[in-house]
Amino acid sequence: MPRQGFDYPRLDPGLDQYRVIMLDGSVTVYRNWFQDYSLGTITALLDTNGFAITEARSHLCGRPYAPESPCIGLAAMQR
């Protein structure tokens, strides 16, 4: 399964693209877009779209938020 990765530094998303080649020769392309956020950038994005963060964690299992964590788990609600 050939994989290609693409970065778009000016826009900041990334793309992983996979081509799946079936035994009959048909090809399907799957694209997984991803975006990295800091707590500040995701807070601003949610705020702009009418949401407020009610809780921020560094892990989906409940660890308290730490800025150095590679993960952010959020609970948000619409205002």
N, C-alpha and C. Protein backbone atom coordinates (compact mmCIF):
# COMPACT_ATOMS: atom_id res chain seq x y z
N MET A 1 0.85 -1.16 0.00
CA MET A 1 0.00 0.00 0.00
C MET A 1 0.90 1.23 0.00
N PRO A 2 1.10 1.87 -1.16
CA PRO A 2 1.95 3.06 -1.21
C PRO A 2 1.35 4.22 -0.41
N ARG A 3 2.23 4.88 0.34
CA ARG A 3 1.82 6.02 1.16
C ARG A 3 2.62 7.24 0.75
N GLN A 4 1.95 8.39 0.73
CA GLN A 4 2.61 9.66 0.48
C GLN A 4 2.23 10.61 1.60
N GLY A 5 3.16 11.43 2.03
CA GLY A 5 2.88 12.45 3.04
C GLY A 5 3.13 13.83 2.46
N PHE A 6 2.27 14.77 2.79
CA PHE A 6 2.38 16.13 2.28
C PHE A 6 2.23 17.10 3.44
N ASP A 7 3.04 18.14 3.46
CA ASP A 7 2.92 19.22 4.45
C ASP A 7 2.65 20.52 3.70
N TYR A 8 1.84 21.36 4.32
CA TYR A 8 1.50 22.65 3.74
C TYR A 8 1.83 23.71 4.78
N PRO A 9 3.11 24.11 4.91
CA PRO A 9 3.55 24.98 6.01
C PRO A 9 2.83 26.33 6.08
N ARG A 10 2.46 26.91 4.94
CA ARG A 10 1.81 28.22 5.00
C ARG A 10 0.39 28.12 5.53
N LEU A 11 -0.25 26.97 5.35
CA LEU A 11 -1.62 26.78 5.82
C LEU A 11 -1.68 25.94 7.09
N ASP A 12 -0.66 25.12 7.33
CA ASP A 12 -0.45 24.30 8.51
C ASP A 12 -1.18 22.96 8.58
N PRO A 13 -1.93 22.52 7.57
CA PRO A 13 -2.44 21.15 7.67
C PRO A 13 -1.42 20.16 7.11
N GLY A 14 -1.66 18.91 7.34
CA GLY A 14 -0.86 17.85 6.75
C GLY A 14 -1.79 16.85 6.10
N LEU A 15 -1.23 16.04 5.23
CA LEU A 15 -2.03 15.05 4.50
C LEU A 15 -1.24 13.76 4.41
N ASP A 16 -1.84 12.66 4.80
CA ASP A 16 -1.32 11.33 4.51
C ASP A 16 -2.24 10.74 3.45
N GLN A 17 -1.65 10.29 2.37
CA GLN A 17 -2.44 9.75 1.26
C GLN A 17 -2.00 8.32 1.01
N TYR A 18 -2.98 7.44 0.88
CA TYR A 18 -2.71 6.03 0.64
C TYR A 18 -3.41 5.59 -0.64
N ARG A 19 -2.72 4.82 -1.45
CA ARG A 19 -3.33 4.21 -2.62
C ARG A 19 -3.44 2.72 -2.35
N VAL A 20 -4.66 2.21 -2.37
CA VAL A 20 -4.90 0.79 -2.13
C VAL A 20 -5.19 0.16 -3.48
N ILE A 21 -4.37 -0.81 -3.84
CA ILE A 21 -4.52 -1.49 -5.13
C ILE A 21 -5.08 -2.88 -4.85
N MET A 22 -6.27 -3.13 -5.35
CA MET A 22 -6.96 -4.39 -5.13
C MET A 22 -6.45 -5.46 -6.10
N LEU A 23 -6.75 -6.70 -5.81
CA LEU A 23 -6.31 -7.81 -6.67
C LEU A 23 -6.84 -7.69 -8.09
N ASP A 24 -8.03 -7.07 -8.25
CA ASP A 24 -8.60 -6.91 -9.59
C ASP A 24 -8.00 -5.72 -10.35
N GLY A 25 -7.05 -5.01 -9.71
CA GLY A 25 -6.38 -3.88 -10.36
C GLY A 25 -7.02 -2.54 -10.09
N SER A 26 -8.18 -2.52 -9.44
CA SER A 26 -8.81 -1.24 -9.12
C SER A 26 -8.01 -0.53 -8.02
N VAL A 27 -8.03 0.78 -8.08
CA VAL A 27 -7.25 1.60 -7.15
C VAL A 27 -8.19 2.55 -6.42
N THR A 28 -8.04 2.63 -5.10
CA THR A 28 -8.79 3.59 -4.29
C THR A 28 -7.78 4.45 -3.55
N VAL A 29 -8.01 5.76 -3.55
CA VAL A 29 -7.13 6.69 -2.84
C VAL A 29 -7.84 7.15 -1.58
N TYR A 30 -7.16 7.04 -0.44
CA TYR A 30 -7.67 7.52 0.84
C TYR A 30 -6.79 8.68 1.29
N ARG A 31 -7.43 9.77 1.69
CA ARG A 31 -6.69 10.95 2.15
C ARG A 31 -7.09 11.27 3.58
N ASN A 32 -6.12 11.31 4.46
CA ASN A 32 -6.33 11.66 5.86
C ASN A 32 -5.69 13.02 6.12
N TRP A 33 -6.52 14.04 6.26
CA TRP A 33 -6.05 15.38 6.57
C TRP A 33 -5.94 15.52 8.07
N PHE A 34 -4.92 16.22 8.54
CA PHE A 34 -4.79 16.46 9.96
C PHE A 34 -4.28 17.88 10.20
N GLN A 35 -4.57 18.37 11.37
CA GLN A 35 -4.21 19.74 11.75
C GLN A 35 -3.75 19.71 13.20
N ASP A 36 -2.62 20.32 13.48
CA ASP A 36 -2.13 20.42 14.85
C ASP A 36 -2.57 21.75 15.45
N TYR A 37 -2.96 21.72 16.72
CA TYR A 37 -3.39 22.92 17.42
C TYR A 37 -2.69 23.02 18.76
N SER A 38 -2.44 24.23 19.19
CA SER A 38 -2.04 24.49 20.57
C SER A 38 -3.33 24.81 21.33
N LEU A 39 -3.25 24.87 22.64
CA LEU A 39 -4.45 25.23 23.39
C LEU A 39 -4.93 26.63 22.98
N GLY A 40 -3.99 27.53 22.72
CA GLY A 40 -4.36 28.88 22.30
C GLY A 40 -5.04 28.93 20.95
N THR A 41 -4.51 28.19 19.97
CA THR A 41 -5.11 28.24 18.64
C THR A 41 -6.47 27.54 18.59
N ILE A 42 -6.63 26.44 19.32
CA ILE A 42 -7.92 25.77 19.30
C ILE A 42 -8.96 26.56 20.10
N THR A 43 -8.51 27.23 21.16
CA THR A 43 -9.43 28.09 21.93
C THR A 43 -9.96 29.21 21.05
N ALA A 44 -9.07 29.86 20.30
CA ALA A 44 -9.48 30.95 19.41
C ALA A 44 -10.43 30.45 18.33
N LEU A 45 -10.14 29.29 17.74
CA LEU A 45 -10.99 28.74 16.69
C LEU A 45 -12.38 28.41 17.23
N LEU A 46 -12.42 27.76 18.39
CA LEU A 46 -13.71 27.43 18.99
C LEU A 46 -14.49 28.69 19.35
N ASP A 47 -13.80 29.67 19.92
CA ASP A 47 -14.44 30.92 20.30
C ASP A 47 -15.06 31.62 19.09
N THR A 48 -14.32 31.67 18.00
CA THR A 48 -14.81 32.28 16.77
C THR A 48 -16.08 31.61 16.26
N ASN A 49 -16.21 30.32 16.55
CA ASN A 49 -17.36 29.56 16.05
C ASN A 49 -18.42 29.28 17.11
N GLY A 50 -18.38 30.08 18.21
CA GLY A 50 -19.45 30.03 19.18
C GLY A 50 -19.34 28.97 20.26
N PHE A 51 -18.15 28.46 20.50
CA PHE A 51 -17.96 27.44 21.53
C PHE A 51 -17.00 27.94 22.60
N ALA A 52 -17.16 27.42 23.79
CA ALA A 52 -16.27 27.75 24.91
C ALA A 52 -15.74 26.45 25.50
N ILE A 53 -14.45 26.42 25.79
CA ILE A 53 -13.85 25.24 26.41
C ILE A 53 -14.26 25.20 27.87
N THR A 54 -14.77 24.06 28.29
CA THR A 54 -15.16 23.89 29.69
C THR A 54 -14.11 23.11 30.47
N GLU A 55 -13.27 22.38 29.75
CA GLU A 55 -12.23 21.60 30.42
C GLU A 55 -11.13 21.28 29.42
N ALA A 56 -9.87 21.38 29.85
CA ALA A 56 -8.73 21.01 29.02
C ALA A 56 -7.86 20.04 29.81
N ARG A 57 -7.46 18.97 29.14
CA ARG A 57 -6.61 17.94 29.76
C ARG A 57 -5.47 17.60 28.81
N SER A 58 -4.42 16.99 29.34
CA SER A 58 -3.29 16.57 28.52
C SER A 58 -3.44 15.13 28.03
N HIS A 59 -4.55 14.52 28.35
CA HIS A 59 -4.73 13.13 27.99
C HIS A 59 -6.23 12.85 28.06
N LEU A 60 -6.73 11.99 27.24
CA LEU A 60 -8.16 11.69 27.28
C LEU A 60 -8.55 10.86 28.49
N CYS A 61 -7.56 10.41 29.26
CA CYS A 61 -7.85 9.65 30.48
C CYS A 61 -7.87 10.56 31.71
N GLY A 62 -7.74 11.88 31.53
CA GLY A 62 -7.97 12.81 32.63
C GLY A 62 -6.76 13.47 33.26
N ARG A 63 -5.58 13.29 32.71
CA ARG A 63 -4.43 13.99 33.29
C ARG A 63 -4.63 15.50 33.19
N PRO A 64 -4.23 16.25 34.21
CA PRO A 64 -4.35 17.72 34.14
C PRO A 64 -3.58 18.27 32.93
N TYR A 65 -4.06 19.40 32.41
CA TYR A 65 -3.41 20.00 31.24
C TYR A 65 -2.00 20.46 31.59
N ALA A 66 -1.07 20.15 30.70
CA ALA A 66 0.33 20.60 30.81
C ALA A 66 0.75 21.08 29.43
N PRO A 67 1.26 22.31 29.31
CA PRO A 67 1.61 22.86 28.00
C PRO A 67 2.60 22.02 27.20
N GLU A 68 3.46 21.26 27.87
CA GLU A 68 4.46 20.46 27.15
C GLU A 68 3.91 19.14 26.62
N SER A 69 2.67 18.81 26.92
CA SER A 69 2.07 17.55 26.47
C SER A 69 1.87 17.56 24.95
N PRO A 70 2.11 16.42 24.28
CA PRO A 70 1.87 16.36 22.84
C PRO A 70 0.38 16.20 22.49
N CYS A 71 -0.46 15.98 23.50
CA CYS A 71 -1.89 15.76 23.26
C CYS A 71 -2.72 16.75 24.07
N ILE A 72 -3.88 17.08 23.53
CA ILE A 72 -4.84 17.92 24.25
C ILE A 72 -6.20 17.24 24.15
N GLY A 73 -6.85 17.05 25.28
CA GLY A 73 -8.22 16.57 25.30
C GLY A 73 -9.11 17.70 25.79
N LEU A 74 -10.17 17.99 25.06
CA LEU A 74 -11.02 19.13 25.40
C LEU A 74 -12.47 18.73 25.57
N ALA A 75 -13.15 19.45 26.43
CA ALA A 75 -14.60 19.44 26.49
C ALA A 75 -15.02 20.87 26.20
N ALA A 76 -15.98 21.03 25.31
CA ALA A 76 -16.43 22.37 24.94
C ALA A 76 -17.94 22.34 24.79
N MET A 77 -18.53 23.51 24.95
CA MET A 77 -19.98 23.60 24.75
C MET A 77 -20.30 24.85 23.95
N GLN A 78 -21.40 24.77 23.22
CA GLN A 78 -21.83 25.89 22.41
C GLN A 78 -22.39 26.97 23.33
N ARG A 79 -22.00 28.22 23.04
CA ARG A 79 -22.52 29.35 23.83
C ARG A 79 -23.89 29.72 23.37
